[in-house]
Amino acid sequence: MTAATDHVQIIMAAHDRVAKLEVTDDGLVKVPGIERAVPRQVAVSKAIRELVAELSEGSTSWKLIDRLTGNADGLELKRFVGTVVKVTREKTSTRGKLLLYTGTKKEIDGVDPGHEYVRTERTDDPEGLMLASEAKALIGHRVLLWVVLEPWANNADKKTRVVLHLMDLGADTHYDADSQSIAA
């Protein structure tokens, strides 16, 4: 792709964003976060700045893509399937704590055989709260998870399993809502 093509795509995306915004009777555009309506070209310029920032290496979006594809430095990515059994809030970190049935044979302290935990980002962060809410809505469903192993700040030998994304694979017919468990 050429630089000219990149420019055209960004400009077109900016115009698409602005086309969805409300317009005043005198043709000015109401841009969220800006007190007064502005001329269309000013709204397009703002959208271009936002798009270029978002598309730049090091942006939040760029970092998320690196994490989801396993290209983030210092993080190990794992994908696996499990059934969401329970979602709670961890008091010490405010992270969402998901109990999953994965059928694992590995012994894990504090959980029944076949189960394991993953955590969301902190729920005082909108991304973590969104993912915890999404997980709650998927209790009893099989999900494909994208999980990174994040080293602890004070002990690099310990890692927290942080879920980045959940893909709903449908209701698990073996899940029993009354007992919050997987029926054999």
Protein backbone atom coordinates (compact mmCIF):
# COMPACT_ATOMS: atom_id res chain seq x y z
CA MET A 1 0.00 0.00 0.00
CA THR A 2 1.31 3.45 -0.83
CA ALA A 3 1.43 6.47 1.42
CA ALA A 4 -1.18 8.14 -0.81
CA THR A 5 -3.51 5.16 -0.29
CA ASP A 6 -2.99 5.39 3.48
CA HIS A 7 -3.89 9.09 3.38
CA VAL A 8 -7.01 8.46 1.29
CA GLN A 9 -8.18 5.68 3.64
CA ILE A 10 -7.72 7.87 6.72
CA ILE A 11 -9.52 10.79 5.08
CA MET A 12 -12.40 8.55 4.02
CA ALA A 13 -12.64 7.03 7.51
CA ALA A 14 -12.69 10.54 9.00
CA HIS A 15 -15.51 11.58 6.66
CA ASP A 16 -17.41 8.40 7.62
CA ARG A 17 -17.06 9.27 11.32
CA VAL A 18 -18.23 12.85 10.79
CA ALA A 19 -21.18 11.72 8.62
CA LYS A 20 -22.62 9.94 11.69
CA LEU A 21 -22.60 13.10 13.81
CA GLU A 22 -25.54 15.42 14.33
CA VAL A 23 -25.64 18.56 12.17
CA THR A 24 -27.23 21.89 13.17
CA ASP A 25 -29.75 23.74 10.98
CA ASP A 26 -26.94 26.00 9.74
CA GLY A 27 -24.79 23.03 8.66
CA LEU A 28 -22.36 22.95 11.58
CA VAL A 29 -21.36 19.62 13.11
CA LYS A 30 -21.92 18.75 16.77
CA VAL A 31 -18.73 16.95 17.82
CA PRO A 32 -18.83 15.10 21.16
CA GLY A 33 -16.58 16.80 23.68
CA ILE A 34 -16.60 20.16 21.87
CA GLU A 35 -18.81 22.85 23.37
CA ARG A 36 -19.93 24.52 20.14
CA ALA A 37 -20.83 23.05 16.77
CA VAL A 38 -18.02 23.43 14.22
CA PRO A 39 -17.68 23.58 10.44
CA ARG A 40 -17.56 20.16 8.77
CA GLN A 41 -13.86 20.46 7.81
CA VAL A 42 -12.92 21.17 11.45
CA ALA A 43 -14.80 18.02 12.51
CA VAL A 44 -13.04 16.03 9.76
CA SER A 45 -9.65 17.40 10.90
CA LYS A 46 -10.39 16.31 14.48
CA ALA A 47 -11.38 12.84 13.24
CA ILE A 48 -8.15 12.62 11.20
CA ARG A 49 -6.08 13.50 14.30
CA GLU A 50 -7.90 10.83 16.31
CA LEU A 51 -7.45 8.20 13.59
CA VAL A 52 -3.75 8.92 13.08
CA ALA A 53 -3.16 8.79 16.84
CA GLU A 54 -5.09 5.53 17.10
CA LEU A 55 -3.20 4.00 14.16
CA SER A 56 0.21 5.03 15.51
CA GLU A 57 2.56 2.47 16.97
CA GLY A 58 2.35 2.68 20.75
CA SER A 59 -1.30 3.76 20.85
CA THR A 60 -3.72 1.94 23.13
CA SER A 61 -5.29 0.25 20.10
CA TRP A 62 -1.88 -0.77 18.72
CA LYS A 63 -0.89 -2.25 22.08
CA LEU A 64 -4.16 -4.18 22.32
CA ILE A 65 -3.58 -5.69 18.87
CA ASP A 66 -0.04 -6.68 19.91
CA ARG A 67 -1.41 -8.32 23.07
CA LEU A 68 -4.18 -10.20 21.24
CA THR A 69 -1.80 -11.48 18.57
CA GLY A 70 0.96 -12.47 21.01
CA ASN A 71 3.36 -9.79 19.75
CA ALA A 72 3.60 -7.80 23.00
CA ASP A 73 7.07 -7.85 24.53
CA GLY A 74 7.35 -9.71 27.82
CA LEU A 75 3.90 -11.27 27.67
CA GLU A 76 2.96 -14.82 26.85
CA LEU A 77 -0.38 -15.34 25.06
CA LYS A 78 -2.53 -18.43 25.49
CA ARG A 79 -5.85 -19.30 23.86
CA PHE A 80 -8.08 -21.99 25.33
CA VAL A 81 -11.70 -23.01 25.78
CA GLY A 82 -13.60 -23.13 29.06
CA THR A 83 -17.08 -22.71 30.50
CA VAL A 84 -17.69 -19.59 32.60
CA VAL A 85 -18.94 -20.93 35.93
CA LYS A 86 -18.76 -17.88 38.18
CA VAL A 87 -17.61 -14.24 38.06
CA THR A 88 -16.67 -12.38 41.23
CA ARG A 89 -14.76 -9.23 42.08
CA GLU A 90 -11.36 -9.63 43.68
CA LYS A 91 -11.32 -7.25 46.65
CA THR A 92 -7.56 -6.62 46.69
CA SER A 93 -7.21 -5.65 43.04
CA THR A 94 -10.81 -4.91 41.90
CA ARG A 95 -10.21 -7.31 39.00
CA GLY A 96 -13.02 -9.51 37.76
CA LYS A 97 -12.20 -13.09 38.76
CA LEU A 98 -13.60 -15.74 36.42
CA LEU A 99 -13.94 -19.33 37.52
CA LEU A 100 -13.79 -21.55 34.46
CA TYR A 101 -14.39 -25.23 33.93
CA THR A 102 -11.68 -26.35 31.51
CA GLY A 103 -11.38 -30.01 32.47
CA THR A 104 -7.72 -29.43 33.30
CA LYS A 105 -5.91 -32.29 35.01
CA LYS A 106 -3.47 -29.85 36.60
CA GLU A 107 -3.84 -29.41 40.37
CA ILE A 108 -4.67 -25.81 41.18
CA ASP A 109 -4.88 -24.59 44.76
CA GLY A 110 -8.27 -23.44 45.94
CA VAL A 111 -10.41 -24.78 43.08
CA ASP A 112 -12.18 -28.03 42.32
CA PRO A 113 -10.55 -30.42 39.84
CA GLY A 114 -11.10 -29.34 36.25
CA HIS A 115 -11.42 -25.67 37.18
CA GLU A 116 -9.11 -22.67 36.98
CA TYR A 117 -9.18 -18.90 37.39
CA VAL A 118 -8.40 -16.01 35.09
CA ARG A 119 -8.74 -12.32 35.87
CA THR A 120 -9.80 -9.25 33.93
CA GLU A 121 -8.02 -5.92 34.00
CA ARG A 122 -8.97 -3.86 37.05
CA THR A 123 -12.68 -3.04 37.12
CA ASP A 124 -11.98 0.57 38.08
CA ASP A 125 -10.76 0.76 34.46
CA PRO A 126 -13.59 0.82 31.86
CA GLU A 127 -11.97 -1.98 29.80
CA GLY A 128 -11.77 -4.30 32.81
CA LEU A 129 -15.32 -3.47 33.89
CA MET A 130 -16.63 -4.14 30.37
CA LEU A 131 -14.91 -7.53 30.18
CA ALA A 132 -16.11 -8.54 33.67
CA SER A 133 -19.69 -7.56 32.69
CA GLU A 134 -19.38 -9.49 29.45
CA ALA A 135 -18.14 -12.56 31.36
CA LYS A 136 -21.10 -12.34 33.79
CA ALA A 137 -23.48 -12.39 30.84
CA LEU A 138 -21.72 -15.55 29.60
CA ILE A 139 -22.04 -17.62 32.78
CA GLY A 140 -22.92 -21.14 31.67
CA HIS A 141 -21.45 -20.61 28.21
CA ARG A 142 -18.38 -22.17 26.64
CA VAL A 143 -15.98 -19.44 25.57
CA LEU A 144 -12.73 -19.17 23.69
CA LEU A 145 -10.40 -17.02 25.79
CA TRP A 146 -7.35 -14.95 24.90
CA VAL A 147 -5.24 -14.80 28.07
CA VAL A 148 -1.84 -13.19 28.68
CA LEU A 149 0.46 -14.06 31.53
CA GLU A 150 1.45 -10.76 33.14
CA PRO A 151 4.46 -10.80 35.48
CA TRP A 152 3.90 -9.26 38.89
CA ALA A 153 5.54 -5.87 39.43
CA ASN A 154 7.18 -6.98 42.70
CA ASN A 155 8.00 -10.58 41.69
CA ALA A 156 8.75 -11.40 38.04
CA ASP A 157 8.59 -15.14 38.82
CA LYS A 158 4.87 -14.89 39.58
CA LYS A 159 2.32 -14.21 36.86
CA THR A 160 -1.32 -13.21 36.71
CA ARG A 161 -3.48 -14.73 33.99
CA VAL A 162 -5.35 -11.79 32.46
CA VAL A 163 -8.16 -12.39 29.98
CA LEU A 164 -8.14 -9.97 27.04
CA HIS A 165 -11.08 -11.30 25.08
CA LEU A 166 -13.91 -13.84 25.30
CA MET A 167 -15.65 -15.36 22.29
CA ASP A 168 -19.03 -16.93 23.03
CA LEU A 169 -19.24 -20.52 21.77
CA GLY A 170 -22.79 -21.04 23.03
CA ALA A 171 -24.45 -22.43 26.13
CA ASP A 172 -22.78 -25.43 27.76
CA THR A 173 -25.51 -28.07 28.01
CA HIS A 174 -23.67 -29.64 30.97
CA TYR A 175 -23.81 -26.43 33.06
CA ASP A 176 -26.22 -26.51 36.00
CA ALA A 177 -27.22 -22.98 37.02
CA ASP A 178 -28.61 -24.02 40.42
CA SER A 179 -25.34 -25.55 41.62
CA GLN A 180 -23.10 -23.33 39.44
CA SER A 181 -21.29 -26.44 38.27
CA ILE A 182 -20.76 -28.71 35.32
CA ALA A 183 -22.83 -31.89 35.49
CA ALA A 184 -20.96 -35.07 34.71
